Protein backbone atom coordinates (compact mmCIF):
# COMPACT_ATOMS: atom_id res chain seq x y z
CA UNK A 1 0.00 0.00 0.00
CA UNK A 2 2.82 2.40 0.84
CA UNK A 3 4.35 1.85 -2.60
CA UNK A 4 1.00 2.49 -4.27
CA UNK A 5 0.74 5.84 -2.52
CA UNK A 6 4.24 6.80 -3.64
CA UNK A 7 3.33 5.84 -7.22
CA UNK A 8 0.30 8.14 -6.99
CA UNK A 9 2.52 11.04 -5.92
CA UNK A 10 5.07 10.31 -8.64
CA UNK A 11 2.56 9.86 -11.49
CA UNK A 12 0.59 12.90 -10.43
CA UNK A 13 3.74 15.00 -10.51
CA UNK A 14 4.60 13.76 -14.00
CA UNK A 15 1.12 14.50 -15.37
CA UNK A 16 1.12 17.98 -13.83
CA UNK A 17 4.59 18.69 -15.25
CA UNK A 18 3.57 17.51 -18.73
CA UNK A 19 0.50 19.72 -18.54
CA UNK A 20 2.68 22.69 -17.63
CA UNK A 21 4.94 21.93 -20.61
CA UNK A 22 1.97 21.73 -22.96
CA UNK A 23 0.68 25.06 -21.69
CA UNK A 24 4.11 26.66 -22.09
CA UNK A 25 4.55 25.31 -25.62
CA UNK A 26 1.07 26.25 -26.79
CA UNK A 27 1.20 29.84 -25.56
CA UNK A 28 0.59 32.11 -28.55
CA UNK A 29 -0.05 29.18 -30.90
CA UNK A 30 -2.94 29.05 -33.36
CA UNK A 31 -4.81 25.84 -34.13
CA UNK A 32 -3.80 26.06 -37.78
CA UNK A 33 -0.05 26.41 -38.41
CA UNK A 34 1.37 29.67 -39.68
CA UNK A 35 2.90 29.20 -43.14
CA UNK A 36 6.46 30.58 -43.28
CA UNK A 37 9.39 30.27 -45.64
CA UNK A 38 12.67 28.86 -44.46
CA UNK A 39 14.40 31.87 -46.02
CA UNK A 40 12.54 34.16 -43.57
CA UNK A 41 13.57 32.04 -40.59
CA UNK A 42 17.18 31.97 -41.79
CA UNK A 43 17.14 35.77 -41.99
CA UNK A 44 16.08 35.98 -38.34
CA UNK A 45 12.34 36.62 -38.82
CA UNK A 46 11.02 34.37 -36.07
CA UNK A 47 7.22 34.62 -35.55
CA UNK A 48 5.69 34.66 -32.07
CA UNK A 49 3.37 31.83 -33.13
CA UNK A 50 5.23 28.56 -32.41
CA UNK A 51 2.89 26.44 -34.61
CA UNK A 52 4.52 26.60 -38.03
CA UNK A 53 4.43 25.09 -41.48
CA UNK A 54 7.86 25.59 -43.05
CA UNK A 55 7.90 25.54 -46.85
CA UNK A 56 9.86 23.24 -49.14
CA UNK A 57 13.45 22.67 -48.13
CA UNK A 58 16.54 20.50 -48.48
CA UNK A 59 17.94 17.89 -46.12
CA UNK A 60 21.36 16.26 -46.13
CA UNK A 61 20.86 12.70 -44.91
CA UNK A 62 24.49 12.38 -43.89
CA UNK A 63 23.81 14.74 -40.97
CA UNK A 64 20.82 12.95 -39.40
CA UNK A 65 21.40 12.43 -35.67
CA UNK A 66 19.24 9.83 -33.96
CA UNK A 67 18.79 8.12 -30.60
CA UNK A 68 18.21 4.40 -30.68
CA UNK A 69 17.75 1.32 -28.48
CA UNK A 70 20.03 -1.57 -29.38
CA UNK A 71 18.17 -4.93 -29.41
CA UNK A 72 19.08 -7.37 -26.64
CA UNK A 73 21.93 -9.64 -27.62
CA UNK A 74 23.32 -7.29 -30.28
CA UNK A 75 26.91 -6.06 -29.77
CA UNK A 76 27.40 -2.46 -28.70
CA UNK A 77 28.86 0.06 -31.11
CA UNK A 78 27.38 0.06 -34.60
CA UNK A 79 23.56 0.20 -34.34
CA UNK A 80 21.67 -2.81 -35.60
CA UNK A 81 19.30 -2.19 -38.56
CA UNK A 82 16.56 -3.57 -36.30
CA UNK A 83 17.34 -1.13 -33.48
CA UNK A 84 14.35 0.99 -32.48
CA UNK A 85 14.78 4.72 -33.16
CA UNK A 86 13.30 6.91 -30.43
CA UNK A 87 13.63 10.13 -32.43
CA UNK A 88 15.92 11.83 -34.92
CA UNK A 89 17.15 15.35 -35.64
CA UNK A 90 18.14 16.81 -38.98
CA UNK A 91 18.91 20.37 -40.09
CA UNK A 92 17.03 21.83 -43.06
CA UNK A 93 18.19 24.35 -45.66
CA UNK A 94 16.57 26.79 -48.07
CA UNK A 95 17.53 27.36 -51.70
CA UNK A 96 19.01 30.73 -50.82
CA UNK A 97 21.81 29.46 -48.59
CA UNK A 98 25.28 29.61 -50.19
CA UNK A 99 26.12 26.25 -51.67
CA UNK A 100 22.54 25.00 -51.60
CA UNK A 101 21.22 27.41 -54.24
CA UNK A 102 22.68 25.31 -57.07
CA UNK A 103 21.24 21.98 -55.88
CA UNK A 104 18.06 22.29 -57.96
CA UNK A 105 20.07 22.77 -61.17
CA UNK A 106 22.42 19.90 -60.30
CA UNK A 107 19.44 17.66 -59.54
CA UNK A 108 17.98 18.35 -62.99
CA UNK A 109 21.36 17.97 -64.66
CA UNK A 110 22.10 14.54 -63.18
CA UNK A 111 18.53 13.25 -62.99
CA UNK A 112 18.20 13.20 -59.20
CA UNK A 113 19.82 14.56 -56.05
CA UNK A 114 21.15 11.10 -55.21
CA UNK A 115 23.05 11.02 -58.53
CA UNK A 116 25.04 14.22 -58.03
CA UNK A 117 28.79 13.44 -57.86
CA UNK A 118 30.17 13.75 -54.35
CA UNK A 119 32.72 16.31 -55.53
CA UNK A 120 29.87 18.67 -56.51
CA UNK A 121 27.76 18.32 -53.39
CA UNK A 122 27.46 21.61 -51.47
CA UNK A 123 29.23 22.38 -48.22
CA UNK A 124 26.97 24.32 -45.86
CA UNK A 125 28.31 25.97 -42.74
CA UNK A 126 25.15 27.18 -41.04
CA UNK A 127 21.41 26.62 -40.66
CA UNK A 128 18.50 28.09 -38.71
CA UNK A 129 16.08 25.20 -38.16
CA UNK A 130 16.54 21.63 -37.03
CA UNK A 131 13.63 19.20 -37.26
CA UNK A 132 12.88 16.64 -34.56
CA UNK A 133 10.98 13.67 -35.97
CA UNK A 134 9.68 10.26 -34.92
CA UNK A 135 9.08 9.25 -38.53
CA UNK A 136 11.88 6.69 -38.59
CA UNK A 137 10.91 3.64 -36.54
CA UNK A 138 14.12 1.61 -36.95
CA UNK A 139 17.72 2.29 -37.93
CA UNK A 140 17.04 0.56 -41.26
CA UNK A 141 14.61 3.38 -42.11
CA UNK A 142 17.25 6.10 -41.74
CA UNK A 143 17.91 7.37 -45.29
CA UNK A 144 21.28 6.76 -46.90
CA UNK A 145 23.64 9.76 -47.24
CA UNK A 146 22.72 12.27 -49.92
CA UNK A 147 20.63 15.39 -50.41
CA UNK A 148 16.83 15.31 -50.59
CA UNK A 149 14.26 17.91 -51.57
CA UNK A 150 11.41 17.68 -49.04
CA UNK A 151 7.84 19.02 -48.93
CA UNK A 152 6.68 21.50 -46.27
CA UNK A 153 6.92 20.33 -42.67
CA UNK A 154 4.55 21.41 -39.89
CA UNK A 155 4.92 21.21 -36.15
CA UNK A 156 5.65 23.13 -32.95
CA UNK A 157 8.80 25.05 -32.07
CA UNK A 158 9.83 23.40 -28.78
CA UNK A 159 12.80 25.56 -27.69
CA UNK A 160 10.81 26.80 -24.68
CA UNK A 161 10.96 23.39 -23.03
CA UNK A 162 13.62 21.36 -24.83
CA UNK A 163 17.13 21.50 -26.27
CA UNK A 164 19.52 19.00 -27.79
CA UNK A 165 21.30 16.75 -25.31
CA UNK A 166 25.04 17.34 -25.01
CA UNK A 167 25.99 14.25 -27.02
CA UNK A 168 23.45 15.10 -29.74
CA UNK A 169 24.70 18.68 -29.93
CA UNK A 170 28.28 17.44 -30.23
CA UNK A 171 27.35 15.24 -33.21
CA UNK A 172 25.59 18.14 -34.93
CA UNK A 173 28.60 20.41 -34.32
CA UNK A 174 30.89 17.89 -36.00
CA UNK A 175 29.14 18.53 -39.30
CA UNK A 176 28.51 22.24 -38.67
CA UNK A 177 31.22 23.61 -36.36
CA UNK A 178 30.25 27.23 -37.05
CA UNK A 179 26.58 26.94 -36.13
CA UNK A 180 25.34 28.52 -32.90
CA UNK A 181 22.86 25.94 -31.62
CA UNK A 182 21.47 28.36 -29.03
CA UNK A 183 19.96 30.34 -31.92
CA UNK A 184 18.62 27.36 -33.88
CA UNK A 185 14.86 26.67 -33.83
CA UNK A 186 13.87 23.10 -32.94
CA UNK A 187 10.70 22.18 -34.84
CA UNK A 188 9.04 18.95 -33.68
CA UNK A 189 7.34 17.44 -36.71
CA UNK A 190 3.65 16.64 -36.29
CA UNK A 191 3.31 18.12 -32.80
CA UNK A 192 0.23 20.29 -32.33
CA UNK A 193 -0.66 22.85 -29.67
CA UNK A 194 -2.75 21.64 -26.76
CA UNK A 195 -5.92 23.46 -25.84
CA UNK A 196 -5.92 25.51 -22.65
CA UNK A 197 -8.59 23.16 -21.26
CA UNK A 198 -6.46 20.09 -21.86
CA UNK A 199 -3.33 21.65 -20.38
CA UNK A 200 -5.15 22.90 -17.28
CA UNK A 201 -6.88 19.53 -16.85
CA UNK A 202 -3.53 17.76 -16.89
CA UNK A 203 -2.04 20.21 -14.40
CA UNK A 204 -5.04 20.12 -12.07
CA UNK A 205 -5.57 16.37 -12.32
CA UNK A 206 -1.90 15.61 -11.78
CA UNK A 207 -1.65 17.97 -8.83
CA UNK A 208 -4.79 16.46 -7.33
CA UNK A 209 -3.46 12.93 -7.68
CA UNK A 210 -0.18 13.91 -6.03
CA UNK A 211 -1.95 15.66 -3.14
CA UNK A 212 -4.19 12.65 -2.65
CA UNK A 213 -1.14 10.41 -2.47
CA UNK A 214 0.68 12.74 -0.07
CA UNK A 215 -2.39 13.04 2.14
CA UNK A 216 -2.91 9.31 2.29
CA UNK A 217 0.68 8.84 3.48
CA UNK A 218 -0.17 10.71 6.67
CA UNK A 219 -3.52 9.15 7.34
CA UNK A 220 -3.39 6.86 10.33
CA UNK A 221 -5.89 4.21 11.03
CA UNK A 222 -7.85 4.73 14.21
CA UNK A 223 -7.41 1.94 16.67
């Protein structure tokens, strides 16, 4: 019984904290995402609305950073193709960035971005937006190195509550040593703003559950 009461306190605290995060993230967000161009974000025009749809862009698959869970029995080190991917990050680039602006012509010239000779692939030193995605379920689904032209992506800017972990940031900096990650927007793909009612319900319900657990810890049976 004592353990059950502690679980109530713990779970209530988690629910209340998640509700607070949802409220923080959704502040100023509209139900429909605001359509923006990546060029505007790269120029420093960051809207107050965190719910965005960023227009067409490029991704270099060689710079995808992901966190995975190695299957039991598999040796440590190189991730198994069957390893479950928790989430992945990848930077995105507009046509206007130096080096990237010629990718469209090269893609047409060689019949696909994956067919461009490595010697002609662009070197990009900076970016403004990094996408967090749960689209890839296993390591086998991570795309092979190369550039891809991608359709618009929508989601929530989550910088208010989240940043890259130190090891993730270090991997990103290896490919882009000049980028200032404190100024980069983290856009979580597919995440939508929570309603005020939902956020407050989570906070109130979680707090209530915790208080109930705490109170029950001090209740003594009458003899």
